[in-house]
Amino acid sequence: MASTTKKELPKNLEWSKKLHKFLKGKTVKGARYMSKTEAEGWYKIPLVIEFTDGTTIIPMADDEGNDGGALEFYHPDKELEESGAPTLRITDL
């Protein structure tokens, strides 16, 4: 009898496939920094990316959501006007 078990992908490929499917086709509505209220308990305030379907991306310092995280912007063929989105300190708000 032939085996019907599905070969598992390495974790990085599994997550890349999953997130590609989730994000593909979304349209960015806007970007803004979190408010003091939204960032309660954090010291670093991240940029929030909002999509037209209501989905929001919030960069975090770690998987447990212990603080806001920065973003790096990259293009392989040209220099970008902005190199990334730093975190702001809660005291900057």
PDB file of N, CA and C in Angstrom:
ATOM      1  N   MET A   1       0.842  -1.177   0.000  1.00  0.00           N
ATOM      2  CA  MET A   1       0.000   0.000   0.000  1.00  0.00           C
ATOM      3  C   MET A   1       0.892   1.246   0.000  1.00  0.00           C
ATOM      4  N   ALA A   2       0.592   2.191  -0.857  1.00  0.00           N
ATOM      5  CA  ALA A   2       1.389   3.418  -0.976  1.00  0.00           C
ATOM      6  C   ALA A   2       1.159   4.328   0.225  1.00  0.00           C
ATOM      7  N   SER A   3       2.220   4.979   0.626  1.00  0.00           N
ATOM      8  CA  SER A   3       2.131   5.903   1.760  1.00  0.00           C
ATOM      9  C   SER A   3       1.432   7.191   1.329  1.00  0.00           C
ATOM     10  N   THR A   4       0.524   7.657   2.151  1.00  0.00           N
ATOM     11  CA  THR A   4      -0.198   8.893   1.840  1.00  0.00           C
ATOM     12  C   THR A   4       0.207  10.029   2.771  1.00  0.00           C
ATOM     13  N   THR A   5       1.285   9.811   3.537  1.00  0.00           N
ATOM     14  CA  THR A   5       1.714  10.870   4.445  1.00  0.00           C
ATOM     15  C   THR A   5       2.313  12.016   3.647  1.00  0.00           C
ATOM     16  N   LYS A   6       1.955  13.183   4.053  1.00  0.00           N
ATOM     17  CA  LYS A   6       2.408  14.404   3.400  1.00  0.00           C
ATOM     18  C   LYS A   6       3.763  14.810   3.975  1.00  0.00           C
ATOM     19  N   LYS A   7       4.727  15.092   3.104  1.00  0.00           N
ATOM     20  CA  LYS A   7       6.046  15.505   3.565  1.00  0.00           C
ATOM     21  C   LYS A   7       5.949  16.913   4.148  1.00  0.00           C
ATOM     22  N   GLU A   8       6.478  17.067   5.358  1.00  0.00           N
ATOM     23  CA  GLU A   8       6.439  18.365   6.023  1.00  0.00           C
ATOM     24  C   GLU A   8       7.520  19.279   5.464  1.00  0.00           C
ATOM     25  N   LEU A   9       7.173  20.545   5.307  1.00  0.00           N
ATOM     26  CA  LEU A   9       8.135  21.553   4.877  1.00  0.00           C
ATOM     27  C   LEU A   9       8.952  22.015   6.074  1.00  0.00           C
ATOM     28  N   PRO A  10      10.184  22.499   5.834  1.00  0.00           N
ATOM     29  CA  PRO A  10      10.905  23.146   6.932  1.00  0.00           C
ATOM     30  C   PRO A  10      10.060  24.317   7.442  1.00  0.00           C
ATOM     31  N   LYS A  11      10.183  24.638   8.728  1.00  0.00           N
ATOM     32  CA  LYS A  11       9.334  25.666   9.351  1.00  0.00           C
ATOM     33  C   LYS A  11       9.362  26.991   8.592  1.00  0.00           C
ATOM     34  N   ASN A  12      10.552  27.429   8.135  1.00  0.00           N
ATOM     35  CA  ASN A  12      10.615  28.715   7.439  1.00  0.00           C
ATOM     36  C   ASN A  12       9.807  28.689   6.150  1.00  0.00           C
ATOM     37  N   LEU A  13       9.821  27.589   5.428  1.00  0.00           N
ATOM     38  CA  LEU A  13       9.042  27.491   4.182  1.00  0.00           C
ATOM     39  C   LEU A  13       7.551  27.336   4.474  1.00  0.00           C
ATOM     40  N   GLU A  14       7.241  26.581   5.510  1.00  0.00           N
ATOM     41  CA  GLU A  14       5.843  26.407   5.908  1.00  0.00           C
ATOM     42  C   GLU A  14       5.209  27.765   6.251  1.00  0.00           C
ATOM     43  N   TRP A  15       5.910  28.542   7.096  1.00  0.00           N
ATOM     44  CA  TRP A  15       5.380  29.851   7.494  1.00  0.00           C
ATOM     45  C   TRP A  15       5.395  30.843   6.332  1.00  0.00           C
ATOM     46  N   SER A  16       6.416  30.785   5.494  1.00  0.00           N
ATOM     47  CA  SER A  16       6.465  31.680   4.328  1.00  0.00           C
ATOM     48  C   SER A  16       5.263  31.437   3.422  1.00  0.00           C
ATOM     49  N   LYS A  17       4.960  30.177   3.173  1.00  0.00           N
ATOM     50  CA  LYS A  17       3.819  29.811   2.317  1.00  0.00           C
ATOM     51  C   LYS A  17       2.503  30.297   2.931  1.00  0.00           C
ATOM     52  N   LYS A  18       2.354  30.046   4.230  1.00  0.00           N
ATOM     53  CA  LYS A  18       1.136  30.432   4.949  1.00  0.00           C
ATOM     54  C   LYS A  18       0.926  31.956   4.924  1.00  0.00           C
ATOM     55  N   LEU A  19       1.996  32.698   5.234  1.00  0.00           N
ATOM     56  CA  LEU A  19       1.883  34.158   5.322  1.00  0.00           C
ATOM     57  C   LEU A  19       1.806  34.816   3.952  1.00  0.00           C
ATOM     58  N   HIS A  20       2.447  34.220   2.959  1.00  0.00           N
ATOM     59  CA  HIS A  20       2.318  34.725   1.589  1.00  0.00           C
ATOM     60  C   HIS A  20       0.853  34.672   1.154  1.00  0.00           C
ATOM     61  N   LYS A  21       0.233  33.523   1.401  1.00  0.00           N
ATOM     62  CA  LYS A  21      -1.188  33.351   1.050  1.00  0.00           C
ATOM     63  C   LYS A  21      -2.055  34.363   1.803  1.00  0.00           C
ATOM     64  N   PHE A  22      -1.749  34.584   3.086  1.00  0.00           N
ATOM     65  CA  PHE A  22      -2.519  35.503   3.919  1.00  0.00           C
ATOM     66  C   PHE A  22      -2.374  36.962   3.468  1.00  0.00           C
ATOM     67  N   LEU A  23      -1.145  37.376   3.094  1.00  0.00           N
ATOM     68  CA  LEU A  23      -0.886  38.788   2.771  1.00  0.00           C
ATOM     69  C   LEU A  23      -1.051  39.144   1.291  1.00  0.00           C
ATOM     70  N   LYS A  24      -0.911  38.181   0.394  1.00  0.00           N
ATOM     71  CA  LYS A  24      -0.959  38.466  -1.037  1.00  0.00           C
ATOM     72  C   LYS A  24      -2.283  39.130  -1.432  1.00  0.00           C
ATOM     73  N   GLY A  25      -2.177  40.237  -2.136  1.00  0.00           N
ATOM     74  CA  GLY A  25      -3.355  40.936  -2.626  1.00  0.00           C
ATOM     75  C   GLY A  25      -3.915  41.986  -1.678  1.00  0.00           C
ATOM     76  N   LYS A  26      -3.431  42.018  -0.445  1.00  0.00           N
ATOM     77  CA  LYS A  26      -3.915  43.043   0.481  1.00  0.00           C
ATOM     78  C   LYS A  26      -3.430  44.416   0.016  1.00  0.00           C
ATOM     79  N   THR A  27      -4.212  45.441   0.311  1.00  0.00           N
ATOM     80  CA  THR A  27      -3.873  46.813  -0.062  1.00  0.00           C
ATOM     81  C   THR A  27      -3.656  47.633   1.202  1.00  0.00           C
ATOM     82  N   VAL A  28      -2.514  48.310   1.246  1.00  0.00           N
ATOM     83  CA  VAL A  28      -2.210  49.149   2.407  1.00  0.00           C
ATOM     84  C   VAL A  28      -3.124  50.361   2.403  1.00  0.00           C
ATOM     85  N   LYS A  29      -3.813  50.569   3.498  1.00  0.00           N
ATOM     86  CA  LYS A  29      -4.687  51.729   3.680  1.00  0.00           C
ATOM     87  C   LYS A  29      -3.888  52.892   4.259  1.00  0.00           C
ATOM     88  N   GLY A  30      -2.963  52.566   5.176  1.00  0.00           N
ATOM     89  CA  GLY A  30      -2.175  53.606   5.805  1.00  0.00           C
ATOM     90  C   GLY A  30      -1.186  53.043   6.791  1.00  0.00           C
ATOM     91  N   ALA A  31      -0.363  53.939   7.315  1.00  0.00           N
ATOM     92  CA  ALA A  31       0.624  53.573   8.329  1.00  0.00           C
ATOM     93  C   ALA A  31       0.690  54.705   9.345  1.00  0.00           C
ATOM     94  N   ARG A  32       0.820  54.335  10.600  1.00  0.00           N
ATOM     95  CA  ARG A  32       0.872  55.321  11.678  1.00  0.00           C
ATOM     96  C   ARG A  32       1.562  54.681  12.870  1.00  0.00           C
ATOM     97  N   TYR A  33       2.023  55.502  13.790  1.00  0.00           N
ATOM     98  CA  TYR A  33       2.579  54.972  15.027  1.00  0.00           C
ATOM     99  C   TYR A  33       1.442  54.727  16.019  1.00  0.00           C
ATOM    100  N   MET A  34       1.605  53.716  16.860  1.00  0.00           N
ATOM    101  CA  MET A  34       0.601  53.414  17.881  1.00  0.00           C
ATOM    102  C   MET A  34       0.412  54.604  18.802  1.00  0.00           C
ATOM    103  N   SER A  35      -0.769  54.709  19.334  1.00  0.00           N
ATOM    104  CA  SER A  35      -1.035  55.747  20.338  1.00  0.00           C
ATOM    105  C   SER A  35      -0.532  55.263  21.698  1.00  0.00           C
ATOM    106  N   LYS A  36      -0.436  56.187  22.637  1.00  0.00           N
ATOM    107  CA  LYS A  36      -0.026  55.851  24.005  1.00  0.00           C
ATOM    108  C   LYS A  36      -0.988  54.823  24.610  1.00  0.00           C
ATOM    109  N   THR A  37      -2.260  55.000  24.351  1.00  0.00           N
ATOM    110  CA  THR A  37      -3.272  54.089  24.888  1.00  0.00           C
ATOM    111  C   THR A  37      -3.091  52.677  24.323  1.00  0.00           C
ATOM    112  N   GLU A  38      -2.895  52.577  23.008  1.00  0.00           N
ATOM    113  CA  GLU A  38      -2.715  51.264  22.372  1.00  0.00           C
ATOM    114  C   GLU A  38      -1.443  50.568  22.869  1.00  0.00           C
ATOM    115  N   ALA A  39      -0.423  51.346  23.173  1.00  0.00           N
ATOM    116  CA  ALA A  39       0.880  50.796  23.563  1.00  0.00           C
ATOM    117  C   ALA A  39       1.053  50.671  25.073  1.00  0.00           C
ATOM    118  N   GLU A  40      -0.038  50.707  25.799  1.00  0.00           N
ATOM    119  CA  GLU A  40       0.040  50.634  27.263  1.00  0.00           C
ATOM    120  C   GLU A  40       0.855  49.416  27.700  1.00  0.00           C
ATOM    121  N   GLY A  41       1.847  49.651  28.550  1.00  0.00           N
ATOM    122  CA  GLY A  41       2.707  48.585  29.025  1.00  0.00           C
ATOM    123  C   GLY A  41       3.986  48.417  28.224  1.00  0.00           C
ATOM    124  N   TRP A  42       4.082  49.065  27.088  1.00  0.00           N
ATOM    125  CA  TRP A  42       5.285  48.998  26.253  1.00  0.00           C
ATOM    126  C   TRP A  42       6.108  50.265  26.432  1.00  0.00           C
ATOM    127  N   TYR A  43       7.411  50.152  26.195  1.00  0.00           N
ATOM    128  CA  TYR A  43       8.317  51.303  26.229  1.00  0.00           C
ATOM    129  C   TYR A  43       8.669  51.774  24.820  1.00  0.00           C
ATOM    130  N   LYS A  44       8.565  50.853  23.857  1.00  0.00           N
ATOM    131  CA  LYS A  44       8.894  51.169  22.471  1.00  0.00           C
ATOM    132  C   LYS A  44       7.627  51.139  21.632  1.00  0.00           C
ATOM    133  N   ILE A  45       7.397  52.193  20.882  1.00  0.00           N
ATOM    134  CA  ILE A  45       6.177  52.335  20.081  1.00  0.00           C
ATOM    135  C   ILE A  45       6.474  52.004  18.618  1.00  0.00           C
ATOM    136  N   PRO A  46       5.806  50.994  18.048  1.00  0.00           N
ATOM    137  CA  PRO A  46       6.062  50.607  16.672  1.00  0.00           C
ATOM    138  C   PRO A  46       5.142  51.299  15.663  1.00  0.00           C
ATOM    139  N   LEU A  47       5.564  51.258  14.420  1.00  0.00           N
ATOM    140  CA  LEU A  47       4.723  51.674  13.304  1.00  0.00           C
ATOM    141  C   LEU A  47       3.647  50.607  13.115  1.00  0.00           C
ATOM    142  N   VAL A  48       2.429  51.012  12.853  1.00  0.00           N
ATOM    143  CA  VAL A  48       1.323  50.098  12.591  1.00  0.00           C
ATOM    144  C   VAL A  48       0.971  50.228  11.114  1.00  0.00           C
ATOM    145  N   ILE A  49       0.866  49.103  10.422  1.00  0.00           N
ATOM    146  CA  ILE A  49       0.473  49.105   9.009  1.00  0.00           C
ATOM    147  C   ILE A  49      -0.958  48.589   8.939  1.00  0.00           C
ATOM    148  N   GLU A  50      -1.843  49.390   8.360  1.00  0.00           N
ATOM    149  CA  GLU A  50      -3.264  49.035   8.275  1.00  0.00           C
ATOM    150  C   GLU A  50      -3.640  48.754   6.825  1.00  0.00           C
ATOM    151  N   PHE A  51      -4.438  47.705   6.637  1.00  0.00           N
ATOM    152  CA  PHE A  51      -4.896  47.307   5.309  1.00  0.00           C
ATOM    153  C   PHE A  51      -6.380  47.629   5.138  1.00  0.00           C
ATOM    154  N   THR A  52      -6.818  47.716   3.894  1.00  0.00           N
ATOM    155  CA  THR A  52      -8.198  48.091   3.596  1.00  0.00           C
ATOM    156  C   THR A  52      -9.217  47.071   4.098  1.00  0.00           C
ATOM    157  N   ASP A  53      -8.795  45.825   4.336  1.00  0.00           N
ATOM    158  CA  ASP A  53      -9.739  44.811   4.829  1.00  0.00           C
ATOM    159  C   ASP A  53      -9.831  44.779   6.354  1.00  0.00           C
ATOM    160  N   GLY A  54      -9.134  45.719   7.028  1.00  0.00           N
ATOM    161  CA  GLY A  54      -9.173  45.783   8.477  1.00  0.00           C
ATOM    162  C   GLY A  54      -8.021  45.072   9.172  1.00  0.00           C
ATOM    163  N   THR A  55      -7.233  44.299   8.438  1.00  0.00           N
ATOM    164  CA  THR A  55      -6.059  43.636   9.000  1.00  0.00           C
ATOM    165  C   THR A  55      -5.023  44.689   9.386  1.00  0.00           C
ATOM    166  N   THR A  56      -4.316  44.460  10.483  1.00  0.00           N
ATOM    167  CA  THR A  56      -3.280  45.367  10.954  1.00  0.00           C
ATOM    168  C   THR A  56      -2.013  44.578  11.243  1.00  0.00           C
ATOM    169  N   ILE A  57      -0.866  45.110  10.849  1.00  0.00           N
ATOM    170  CA  ILE A  57       0.427  44.524  11.204  1.00  0.00           C
ATOM    171  C   ILE A  57       1.055  45.411  12.271  1.00  0.00           C
ATOM    172  N   ILE A  58       1.443  44.792  13.380  1.00  0.00           N
ATOM    173  CA  ILE A  58       2.093  45.498  14.484  1.00  0.00           C
ATOM    174  C   ILE A  58       3.412  44.779  14.767  1.00  0.00           C
ATOM    175  N   PRO A  59       4.542  45.378  14.412  1.00  0.00           N
ATOM    176  CA  PRO A  59       5.834  44.745  14.702  1.00  0.00           C
ATOM    177  C   PRO A  59       6.074  44.673  16.204  1.00  0.00           C
ATOM    178  N   MET A  60       6.540  43.507  16.660  1.00  0.00           N
ATOM    179  CA  MET A  60       6.811  43.314  18.081  1.00  0.00           C
ATOM    180  C   MET A  60       8.258  42.876  18.285  1.00  0.00           C
ATOM    181  N   ALA A  61       8.773  43.157  19.460  1.00  0.00           N
ATOM    182  CA  ALA A  61      10.164  42.844  19.779  1.00  0.00           C
ATOM    183  C   ALA A  61      10.414  41.334  19.861  1.00  0.00           C
ATOM    184  N   ASP A  62       9.372  40.560  20.195  1.00  0.00           N
ATOM    185  CA  ASP A  62       9.515  39.112  20.292  1.00  0.00           C
ATOM    186  C   ASP A  62       8.151  38.456  20.113  1.00  0.00           C
ATOM    187  N   ASP A  63       8.158  37.140  20.079  1.00  0.00           N
ATOM    188  CA  ASP A  63       6.923  36.385  19.851  1.00  0.00           C
ATOM    189  C   ASP A  63       5.900  36.537  20.966  1.00  0.00           C
ATOM    190  N   GLU A  64       6.332  36.969  22.126  1.00  0.00           N
ATOM    191  CA  GLU A  64       5.425  37.115  23.260  1.00  0.00           C
ATOM    192  C   GLU A  64       4.789  38.498  23.342  1.00  0.00           C
ATOM    193  N   GLY A  65       5.171  39.409  22.439  1.00  0.00           N
ATOM    194  CA  GLY A  65       4.582  40.741  22.437  1.00  0.00           C
ATOM    195  C   GLY A  65       5.025  41.606  23.598  1.00  0.00           C
ATOM    196  N   ASN A  66       6.285  41.464  24.010  1.00  0.00           N
ATOM    197  CA  ASN A  66       6.776  42.204  25.169  1.00  0.00           C
ATOM    198  C   ASN A  66       7.056  43.678  24.903  1.00  0.00           C
ATOM    199  N   ASP A  67       7.158  44.085  23.657  1.00  0.00           N
ATOM    200  CA  ASP A  67       7.417  45.490  23.322  1.00  0.00           C
ATOM    201  C   ASP A  67       7.256  45.658  21.817  1.00  0.00           C
ATOM    202  N   GLY A  68       7.217  46.911  21.377  1.00  0.00           N
ATOM    203  CA  GLY A  68       7.131  47.185  19.956  1.00  0.00           C
ATOM    204  C   GLY A  68       8.453  46.906  19.267  1.00  0.00           C
ATOM    205  N   GLY A  69       8.390  46.661  17.953  1.00  0.00           N
ATOM    206  CA  GLY A  69       9.595  46.357  17.184  1.00  0.00           C
ATOM    207  C   GLY A  69       9.765  47.272  15.990  1.00  0.00           C
ATOM    208  N   ALA A  70      10.993  47.378  15.518  1.00  0.00           N
ATOM    209  CA  ALA A  70      11.335  48.202  14.362  1.00  0.00           C
ATOM    210  C   ALA A  70      11.135  47.414  13.068  1.00  0.00           C
ATOM    211  N   LEU A  71      11.135  48.136  11.945  1.00  0.00           N
ATOM    212  CA  LEU A  71      11.053  47.522  10.618  1.00  0.00           C
ATOM    213  C   LEU A  71      12.237  47.973   9.777  1.00  0.00           C
ATOM    214  N   GLU A  72      12.747  47.089   8.954  1.00  0.00           N
ATOM    215  CA  GLU A  72      13.801  47.402   7.993  1.00  0.00           C
ATOM    216  C   GLU A  72      13.169  47.391   6.605  1.00  0.00           C
ATOM    217  N   PHE A  73      13.452  48.399   5.791  1.00  0.00           N
ATOM    218  CA  PHE A  73      12.958  48.446   4.414  1.00  0.00           C
ATOM    219  C   PHE A  73      14.116  48.091   3.489  1.00  0.00           C
ATOM    220  N   TYR A  74      13.849  47.264   2.490  1.00  0.00           N
ATOM    221  CA  TYR A  74      14.912  46.774   1.614  1.00  0.00           C
ATOM    222  C   TYR A  74      14.416  46.643   0.187  1.00  0.00           C
ATOM    223  N   HIS A  75      15.250  47.027  -0.757  1.00  0.00           N
ATOM    224  CA  HIS A  75      15.015  46.777  -2.174  1.00  0.00           C
ATOM    225  C   HIS A  75      16.346  46.345  -2.761  1.00  0.00           C
ATOM    226  N   PRO A  76      16.395  45.224  -3.472  1.00  0.00           N
ATOM    227  CA  PRO A  76      17.680  44.708  -3.949  1.00  0.00           C
ATOM    228  C   PRO A  76      18.350  45.547  -5.038  1.00  0.00           C
ATOM    229  N   ASP A  77      17.591  46.383  -5.733  1.00  0.00           N
ATOM    230  CA  ASP A  77      18.145  47.072  -6.895  1.00  0.00           C
ATOM    231  C   ASP A  77      18.255  48.586  -6.794  1.00  0.00           C
ATOM    232  N   LYS A  78      17.758  49.151  -5.718  1.00  0.00           N
ATOM    233  CA  LYS A  78      17.844  50.609  -5.619  1.00  0.00           C
ATOM    234  C   LYS A  78      17.877  51.066  -4.167  1.00  0.00           C
ATOM    235  N   GLU A  79      18.397  52.257  -3.991  1.00  0.00           N
ATOM    236  CA  GLU A  79      18.414  52.851  -2.661  1.00  0.00           C
ATOM    237  C   GLU A  79      17.027  53.433  -2.384  1.00  0.00           C
ATOM    238  N   LEU A  80      16.521  53.163  -1.210  1.00  0.00           N
ATOM    239  CA  LEU A  80      15.194  53.642  -0.851  1.00  0.00           C
ATOM    240  C   LEU A  80      15.272  54.981  -0.135  1.00  0.00           C
ATOM    241  N   GLU A  81      14.211  55.747  -0.264  1.00  0.00           N
ATOM    242  CA  GLU A  81      14.132  57.050   0.399  1.00  0.00           C
ATOM    243  C   GLU A  81      14.163  56.893   1.921  1.00  0.00           C
ATOM    244  N   GLU A  82      13.555  55.825   2.413  1.00  0.00           N
ATOM    245  CA  GLU A  82      13.541  55.512   3.843  1.00  0.00           C
ATOM    246  C   GLU A  82      14.159  54.139   4.035  1.00  0.00           C
ATOM    247  N   SER A  83      14.963  53.985   5.086  1.00  0.00           N
ATOM    248  CA  SER A  83      15.620  52.702   5.314  1.00  0.00           C
ATOM    249  C   SER A  83      14.867  51.824   6.312  1.00  0.00           C
ATOM    250  N   GLY A  84      13.875  52.384   6.980  1.00  0.00           N
ATOM    251  CA  GLY A  84      13.120  51.592   7.930  1.00  0.00           C
ATOM    252  C   GLY A  84      12.240  52.452   8.809  1.00  0.00           C
ATOM    253  N   ALA A  85      11.558  51.784   9.726  1.00  0.00           N
ATOM    254  CA  ALA A  85      10.678  52.465  10.672  1.00  0.00           C
ATOM    255  C   ALA A  85      11.161  52.136  12.078  1.00  0.00           C
ATOM    256  N   PRO A  86      11.788  53.092  12.741  1.00  0.00           N
ATOM    257  CA  PRO A  86      12.289  52.827  14.095  1.00  0.00           C
ATOM    258  C   PRO A  86      11.136  52.787  15.093  1.00  0.00           C
ATOM    259  N   THR A  87      11.423  52.260  16.267  1.00  0.00           N
ATOM    260  CA  THR A  87      10.449  52.380  17.346  1.00  0.00           C
ATOM    261  C   THR A  87      10.660  53.765  17.981  1.00  0.00           C
ATOM    262  N   LEU A  88       9.600  54.306  18.534  1.00  0.00           N
ATOM    263  CA  LEU A  88       9.679  55.558  19.293  1.00  0.00           C
ATOM    264  C   LEU A  88       9.563  55.209  20.768  1.00  0.00           C
ATOM    265  N   ARG A  89      10.080  56.038  21.608  1.00  0.00           N
ATOM    266  CA  ARG A  89       9.923  55.817  23.055  1.00  0.00           C
ATOM    267  C   ARG A  89       8.546  56.311  23.480  1.00  0.00           C
ATOM    268  N   ILE A  90       7.981  55.671  24.452  1.00  0.00           N
ATOM    269  CA  ILE A  90       6.676  56.077  24.967  1.00  0.00           C
ATOM    270  C   ILE A  90       6.722  57.532  25.412  1.00  0.00           C
ATOM    271  N   THR A  91       7.868  57.999  25.873  1.00  0.00           N
ATOM    272  CA  THR A  91       8.007  59.378  26.324  1.00  0.00           C
ATOM    273  C   THR A  91       8.017  60.375  25.161  1.00  0.00           C
ATOM    274  N   ASP A  92       8.171  59.867  23.920  1.00  0.00           N
ATOM    275  CA  ASP A  92       8.128  60.729  22.735  1.00  0.00           C
ATOM    276  C   ASP A  92       6.708  61.122  22.365  1.00  0.00           C
ATOM    277  N   LEU A  93       5.725  60.423  22.925  1.00  0.00           N
ATOM    278  CA  LEU A  93       4.326  60.695  22.562  1.00  0.00           C
ATOM    279  C   LEU A  93       3.728  61.757  23.455  1.00  0.00           C
TER     280      LEU A  93
END
